[in-house]
Amino acid sequence: MGRHARFDREELLLAAAGEAAMGRSVTIQSLAAASGATVGSIYHRFESREEILGEAWLLAVRSFQSDFVPAVDAAATARQGLEAALTVPRWSRKNLALASLLALRRREDFLDERTPARLRREAAGINKFAMKVVGTFAARSRRSDLQCQTALIGMPYGAVRLFLPKQSPPAEIDDMIAAAYCAVMKAES
């Protein structure tokens, strides 16, 4: 029977996300230093630095969408959509490194022509379903796609971005996001 692995893929991806979110270059050696894993252990789990970067970005998007999409999907009215908008600061507080990565870095920082093709394919379509759910919410709430995208995504991300990566968005920001959401959606809080 083999030894139990000390580090799993997700732990290494979270360490990579943390390094990238702080603006540091992610190399196999820097990831080893940040995570405490050996270089060999990292290469055992990943083929390349480009795979690590692509997987870290996709992990961040998947993690956010796992909270955001069900919240948008559950909202039947513009007023109920406020809960979906508030998933941005709430998720950011629970996932500081991943939130920092998404709010402060561009997709192109993580995926390029050297990224494995399977990751590039997944990344190309990863936001389609989420945007479809936002579009469905726009129709249900009788608001424009632009209003919903701004109120649900743009403004909440802009607000949390002010604090990342140095600190978690403070709880007071939720009230400000709620006020902005209601103003854009022209809904009562």
C-alpha atoms as a PDB file:
ATOM      1  CA  MET A   1       0.000   0.000   0.000  1.00  0.00           C
ATOM      2  CA  GLY A   2       1.365   3.429  -0.993  1.00  0.00           C
ATOM      3  CA  ARG A   3       1.824   6.452   1.192  1.00  0.00           C
ATOM      4  CA  HIS A   4      -1.023   8.911   1.638  1.00  0.00           C
ATOM      5  CA  ALA A   5      -0.359  12.065  -0.347  1.00  0.00           C
ATOM      6  CA  ARG A   6       0.375  15.088   1.858  1.00  0.00           C
ATOM      7  CA  PHE A   7      -0.895  17.536  -0.741  1.00  0.00           C
ATOM      8  CA  ASP A   8      -3.834  17.158  -3.058  1.00  0.00           C
ATOM      9  CA  ARG A   9      -4.330  18.978  -6.358  1.00  0.00           C
ATOM     10  CA  GLU A  10      -6.770  21.520  -4.933  1.00  0.00           C
ATOM     11  CA  GLU A  11      -4.418  22.530  -2.110  1.00  0.00           C
ATOM     12  CA  LEU A  12      -1.682  23.154  -4.646  1.00  0.00           C
ATOM     13  CA  LEU A  13      -4.055  25.108  -6.887  1.00  0.00           C
ATOM     14  CA  LEU A  14      -5.140  27.253  -3.935  1.00  0.00           C
ATOM     15  CA  ALA A  15      -1.500  27.973  -3.143  1.00  0.00           C
ATOM     16  CA  ALA A  16      -0.920  28.922  -6.793  1.00  0.00           C
ATOM     17  CA  ALA A  17      -3.993  31.167  -6.713  1.00  0.00           C
ATOM     18  CA  GLY A  18      -2.715  32.859  -3.575  1.00  0.00           C
ATOM     19  CA  GLU A  19       0.674  33.537  -5.147  1.00  0.00           C
ATOM     20  CA  ALA A  20      -0.888  34.854  -8.361  1.00  0.00           C
ATOM     21  CA  ALA A  21      -3.417  36.987  -6.474  1.00  0.00           C
ATOM     22  CA  MET A  22      -0.560  38.712  -4.663  1.00  0.00           C
ATOM     23  CA  GLY A  23       1.022  39.511  -8.036  1.00  0.00           C
ATOM     24  CA  ARG A  24       3.826  37.005  -7.653  1.00  0.00           C
ATOM     25  CA  SER A  25       5.066  34.912 -10.540  1.00  0.00           C
ATOM     26  CA  VAL A  26       3.945  31.327 -10.143  1.00  0.00           C
ATOM     27  CA  THR A  27       6.724  28.873 -10.900  1.00  0.00           C
ATOM     28  CA  ILE A  28       7.033  25.274  -9.834  1.00  0.00           C
ATOM     29  CA  GLN A  29       9.721  26.357  -7.358  1.00  0.00           C
ATOM     30  CA  SER A  30       7.649  29.232  -5.940  1.00  0.00           C
ATOM     31  CA  LEU A  31       4.647  26.931  -5.632  1.00  0.00           C
ATOM     32  CA  ALA A  32       6.778  24.399  -3.773  1.00  0.00           C
ATOM     33  CA  ALA A  33       7.948  27.120  -1.394  1.00  0.00           C
ATOM     34  CA  ALA A  34       4.436  28.512  -0.858  1.00  0.00           C
ATOM     35  CA  SER A  35       2.772  25.138  -0.333  1.00  0.00           C
ATOM     36  CA  GLY A  36       5.507  23.162   1.380  1.00  0.00           C
ATOM     37  CA  ALA A  37       5.241  20.464  -1.294  1.00  0.00           C
ATOM     38  CA  THR A  38       8.286  19.161  -3.099  1.00  0.00           C
ATOM     39  CA  VAL A  39       8.919  19.976  -6.748  1.00  0.00           C
ATOM     40  CA  GLY A  40       8.598  16.264  -7.523  1.00  0.00           C
ATOM     41  CA  SER A  41       5.233  16.100  -5.766  1.00  0.00           C
ATOM     42  CA  ILE A  42       3.965  19.005  -7.857  1.00  0.00           C
ATOM     43  CA  TYR A  43       5.194  17.444 -11.110  1.00  0.00           C
ATOM     44  CA  HIS A  44       3.537  14.184 -10.036  1.00  0.00           C
ATOM     45  CA  ARG A  45       0.170  15.992 -10.057  1.00  0.00           C
ATOM     46  CA  PHE A  46       0.640  18.460 -12.917  1.00  0.00           C
ATOM     47  CA  GLU A  47       2.414  18.270 -16.248  1.00  0.00           C
ATOM     48  CA  SER A  48       3.459  21.914 -16.381  1.00  0.00           C
ATOM     49  CA  ARG A  49       3.274  25.375 -14.910  1.00  0.00           C
ATOM     50  CA  GLU A  50       0.737  26.259 -17.614  1.00  0.00           C
ATOM     51  CA  GLU A  51      -1.526  23.432 -16.475  1.00  0.00           C
ATOM     52  CA  ILE A  52      -1.337  24.711 -12.893  1.00  0.00           C
ATOM     53  CA  LEU A  53      -2.202  28.277 -13.920  1.00  0.00           C
ATOM     54  CA  GLY A  54      -5.095  27.177 -16.125  1.00  0.00           C
ATOM     55  CA  GLU A  55      -6.463  24.845 -13.467  1.00  0.00           C
ATOM     56  CA  ALA A  56      -6.160  27.550 -10.776  1.00  0.00           C
ATOM     57  CA  TRP A  57      -8.146  30.030 -12.862  1.00  0.00           C
ATOM     58  CA  LEU A  58     -10.811  27.443 -13.676  1.00  0.00           C
ATOM     59  CA  LEU A  59     -11.036  26.432  -9.999  1.00  0.00           C
ATOM     60  CA  ALA A  60     -11.721  30.055  -9.082  1.00  0.00           C
ATOM     61  CA  VAL A  61     -14.449  30.436 -11.708  1.00  0.00           C
ATOM     62  CA  ARG A  62     -16.086  27.098 -10.852  1.00  0.00           C
ATOM     63  CA  SER A  63     -16.018  27.912  -7.139  1.00  0.00           C
ATOM     64  CA  PHE A  64     -17.649  31.302  -7.646  1.00  0.00           C
ATOM     65  CA  GLN A  65     -20.241  29.952 -10.041  1.00  0.00           C
ATOM     66  CA  SER A  66     -21.185  27.160  -7.632  1.00  0.00           C
ATOM     67  CA  ASP A  67     -22.531  29.852  -5.272  1.00  0.00           C
ATOM     68  CA  PHE A  68     -23.607  32.503  -7.773  1.00  0.00           C
ATOM     69  CA  VAL A  69     -25.512  30.513 -10.414  1.00  0.00           C
ATOM     70  CA  PRO A  70     -27.944  28.786  -7.996  1.00  0.00           C
ATOM     71  CA  ALA A  71     -28.616  32.124  -6.276  1.00  0.00           C
ATOM     72  CA  VAL A  72     -29.470  33.825  -9.581  1.00  0.00           C
ATOM     73  CA  ASP A  73     -31.496  30.832 -10.704  1.00  0.00           C
ATOM     74  CA  ALA A  74     -33.542  30.882  -7.488  1.00  0.00           C
ATOM     75  CA  ALA A  75     -34.437  34.576  -7.825  1.00  0.00           C
ATOM     76  CA  ALA A  76     -37.884  35.061  -9.313  1.00  0.00           C
ATOM     77  CA  THR A  77     -38.043  38.852  -8.995  1.00  0.00           C
ATOM     78  CA  ALA A  78     -35.655  41.782  -9.196  1.00  0.00           C
ATOM     79  CA  ARG A  79     -35.906  42.176  -5.421  1.00  0.00           C
ATOM     80  CA  GLN A  80     -34.939  38.534  -4.855  1.00  0.00           C
ATOM     81  CA  GLY A  81     -31.927  38.983  -7.139  1.00  0.00           C
ATOM     82  CA  LEU A  82     -30.268  41.000  -4.407  1.00  0.00           C
ATOM     83  CA  GLU A  83     -29.285  37.744  -2.675  1.00  0.00           C
ATOM     84  CA  ALA A  84     -27.429  36.719  -5.822  1.00  0.00           C
ATOM     85  CA  ALA A  85     -25.571  40.037  -5.936  1.00  0.00           C
ATOM     86  CA  LEU A  86     -24.551  39.525  -2.321  1.00  0.00           C
ATOM     87  CA  THR A  87     -22.974  36.167  -3.160  1.00  0.00           C
ATOM     88  CA  VAL A  88     -20.021  38.159  -4.536  1.00  0.00           C
ATOM     89  CA  PRO A  89     -18.846  39.658  -1.203  1.00  0.00           C
ATOM     90  CA  ARG A  90     -19.912  36.585   0.769  1.00  0.00           C
ATOM     91  CA  TRP A  91     -18.034  34.195  -1.516  1.00  0.00           C
ATOM     92  CA  SER A  92     -15.062  36.575  -1.574  1.00  0.00           C
ATOM     93  CA  ARG A  93     -14.803  36.516   2.210  1.00  0.00           C
ATOM     94  CA  LYS A  94     -14.752  32.702   2.240  1.00  0.00           C
ATOM     95  CA  ASN A  95     -12.367  32.413  -0.727  1.00  0.00           C
ATOM     96  CA  LEU A  96      -9.990  35.356  -0.468  1.00  0.00           C
ATOM     97  CA  ALA A  97      -7.247  33.981  -2.756  1.00  0.00           C
ATOM     98  CA  LEU A  98      -9.671  32.819  -5.438  1.00  0.00           C
ATOM     99  CA  ALA A  99     -11.657  36.057  -5.267  1.00  0.00           C
ATOM    100  CA  SER A 100      -8.468  38.086  -5.563  1.00  0.00           C
ATOM    101  CA  LEU A 101      -7.419  36.051  -8.561  1.00  0.00           C
ATOM    102  CA  LEU A 102     -10.725  36.693 -10.358  1.00  0.00           C
ATOM    103  CA  ALA A 103     -11.077  40.328  -9.379  1.00  0.00           C
ATOM    104  CA  LEU A 104      -7.514  41.476  -9.920  1.00  0.00           C
ATOM    105  CA  ARG A 105      -6.120  39.336 -12.717  1.00  0.00           C
ATOM    106  CA  ARG A 106      -7.161  38.675 -16.297  1.00  0.00           C
ATOM    107  CA  ARG A 107      -7.959  35.307 -17.785  1.00  0.00           C
ATOM    108  CA  GLU A 108      -5.071  35.826 -20.208  1.00  0.00           C
ATOM    109  CA  ASP A 109      -2.709  35.864 -17.233  1.00  0.00           C
ATOM    110  CA  PHE A 110      -3.535  32.176 -16.716  1.00  0.00           C
ATOM    111  CA  LEU A 111      -4.453  30.747 -20.097  1.00  0.00           C
ATOM    112  CA  ASP A 112      -2.477  31.079 -23.295  1.00  0.00           C
ATOM    113  CA  GLU A 113      -1.389  28.937 -26.248  1.00  0.00           C
ATOM    114  CA  ARG A 114       0.857  26.857 -23.952  1.00  0.00           C
ATOM    115  CA  THR A 115      -2.083  25.884 -21.718  1.00  0.00           C
ATOM    116  CA  PRO A 116      -3.293  22.323 -22.354  1.00  0.00           C
ATOM    117  CA  ALA A 117      -6.030  22.289 -25.008  1.00  0.00           C
ATOM    118  CA  ARG A 118      -8.604  20.648 -22.691  1.00  0.00           C
ATOM    119  CA  LEU A 119      -8.299  23.596 -20.279  1.00  0.00           C
ATOM    120  CA  ARG A 120      -8.538  26.176 -23.058  1.00  0.00           C
ATOM    121  CA  ARG A 121     -11.708  24.476 -24.333  1.00  0.00           C
ATOM    122  CA  GLU A 122     -13.282  24.475 -20.870  1.00  0.00           C
ATOM    123  CA  ALA A 123     -12.311  28.103 -20.283  1.00  0.00           C
ATOM    124  CA  ALA A 124     -13.811  29.154 -23.620  1.00  0.00           C
ATOM    125  CA  GLY A 125     -17.276  28.086 -22.504  1.00  0.00           C
ATOM    126  CA  ILE A 126     -17.169  28.317 -18.738  1.00  0.00           C
ATOM    127  CA  ASN A 127     -19.183  31.529 -18.451  1.00  0.00           C
ATOM    128  CA  LYS A 128     -21.843  30.671 -21.042  1.00  0.00           C
ATOM    129  CA  PHE A 129     -24.199  28.896 -18.663  1.00  0.00           C
ATOM    130  CA  ALA A 130     -23.832  31.556 -15.966  1.00  0.00           C
ATOM    131  CA  MET A 131     -24.595  34.301 -18.479  1.00  0.00           C
ATOM    132  CA  LYS A 132     -27.591  32.329 -19.742  1.00  0.00           C
ATOM    133  CA  VAL A 133     -28.912  32.126 -16.171  1.00  0.00           C
ATOM    134  CA  VAL A 134     -28.406  35.887 -15.778  1.00  0.00           C
ATOM    135  CA  GLY A 135     -30.274  36.421 -19.072  1.00  0.00           C
ATOM    136  CA  THR A 136     -33.140  34.232 -17.874  1.00  0.00           C
ATOM    137  CA  PHE A 137     -33.258  36.230 -14.642  1.00  0.00           C
ATOM    138  CA  ALA A 138     -33.361  39.450 -16.693  1.00  0.00           C
ATOM    139  CA  ALA A 139     -36.406  38.187 -18.567  1.00  0.00           C
ATOM    140  CA  ARG A 140     -38.106  36.978 -15.357  1.00  0.00           C
ATOM    141  CA  SER A 141     -37.471  40.233 -13.556  1.00  0.00           C
ATOM    142  CA  ARG A 142     -38.352  42.312 -16.628  1.00  0.00           C
ATOM    143  CA  ARG A 143     -35.004  44.083 -16.596  1.00  0.00           C
ATOM    144  CA  SER A 144     -32.401  44.422 -19.322  1.00  0.00           C
ATOM    145  CA  ASP A 145     -29.407  42.130 -19.608  1.00  0.00           C
ATOM    146  CA  LEU A 146     -27.199  45.185 -19.016  1.00  0.00           C
ATOM    147  CA  GLN A 147     -29.015  46.083 -15.800  1.00  0.00           C
ATOM    148  CA  CYS A 148     -28.716  42.535 -14.486  1.00  0.00           C
ATOM    149  CA  GLN A 149     -25.072  42.074 -15.458  1.00  0.00           C
ATOM    150  CA  THR A 150     -24.167  45.399 -13.869  1.00  0.00           C
ATOM    151  CA  ALA A 151     -26.194  44.864 -10.685  1.00  0.00           C
ATOM    152  CA  LEU A 152     -25.328  41.194 -10.171  1.00  0.00           C
ATOM    153  CA  ILE A 153     -21.707  41.091 -11.299  1.00  0.00           C
ATOM    154  CA  GLY A 154     -20.096  44.416 -12.213  1.00  0.00           C
ATOM    155  CA  MET A 155     -20.890  46.520  -9.185  1.00  0.00           C
ATOM    156  CA  PRO A 156     -20.399  43.796  -6.548  1.00  0.00           C
ATOM    157  CA  TYR A 157     -17.030  42.835  -8.038  1.00  0.00           C
ATOM    158  CA  GLY A 158     -16.005  46.475  -8.237  1.00  0.00           C
ATOM    159  CA  ALA A 159     -16.844  46.911  -4.566  1.00  0.00           C
ATOM    160  CA  VAL A 160     -14.960  43.860  -3.297  1.00  0.00           C
ATOM    161  CA  ARG A 161     -12.014  44.630  -5.556  1.00  0.00           C
ATOM    162  CA  LEU A 162     -11.234  47.705  -3.446  1.00  0.00           C
ATOM    163  CA  PHE A 163     -10.125  45.440  -0.594  1.00  0.00           C
ATOM    164  CA  LEU A 164      -8.521  42.480  -2.323  1.00  0.00           C
ATOM    165  CA  PRO A 165      -6.023  40.880  -1.875  1.00  0.00           C
ATOM    166  CA  LYS A 166      -4.874  42.610   1.315  1.00  0.00           C
ATOM    167  CA  GLN A 167      -8.080  42.259   3.294  1.00  0.00           C
ATOM    168  CA  SER A 168     -11.430  40.578   3.222  1.00  0.00           C
ATOM    169  CA  PRO A 169     -14.284  42.834   2.084  1.00  0.00           C
ATOM    170  CA  PRO A 170     -15.860  44.268   5.258  1.00  0.00           C
ATOM    171  CA  ALA A 171     -19.470  43.413   6.094  1.00  0.00           C
ATOM    172  CA  GLU A 172     -20.497  47.058   5.618  1.00  0.00           C
ATOM    173  CA  ILE A 173     -19.876  46.685   1.893  1.00  0.00           C
ATOM    174  CA  ASP A 174     -22.972  44.458   1.652  1.00  0.00           C
ATOM    175  CA  ASP A 175     -25.257  47.409   2.446  1.00  0.00           C
ATOM    176  CA  MET A 176     -23.551  49.508  -0.215  1.00  0.00           C
ATOM    177  CA  ILE A 177     -23.845  46.731  -2.789  1.00  0.00           C
ATOM    178  CA  ALA A 178     -27.521  46.361  -1.854  1.00  0.00           C
ATOM    179  CA  ALA A 179     -28.138  50.088  -2.345  1.00  0.00           C
ATOM    180  CA  ALA A 180     -26.361  50.080  -5.698  1.00  0.00           C
ATOM    181  CA  TYR A 181     -28.210  46.931  -6.772  1.00  0.00           C
ATOM    182  CA  CYS A 182     -31.565  48.471  -5.929  1.00  0.00           C
ATOM    183  CA  ALA A 183     -30.701  51.686  -7.758  1.00  0.00           C
ATOM    184  CA  VAL A 184     -29.685  49.895 -10.952  1.00  0.00           C
ATOM    185  CA  MET A 185     -32.547  47.412 -10.828  1.00  0.00           C
ATOM    186  CA  LYS A 186     -34.992  50.078  -9.636  1.00  0.00           C
ATOM    187  CA  ALA A 187     -36.175  47.661  -6.963  1.00  0.00           C
ATOM    188  CA  GLU A 188     -36.989  48.294  -3.334  1.00  0.00           C
ATOM    189  CA  SER A 189     -34.626  46.724  -0.811  1.00  0.00           C
END
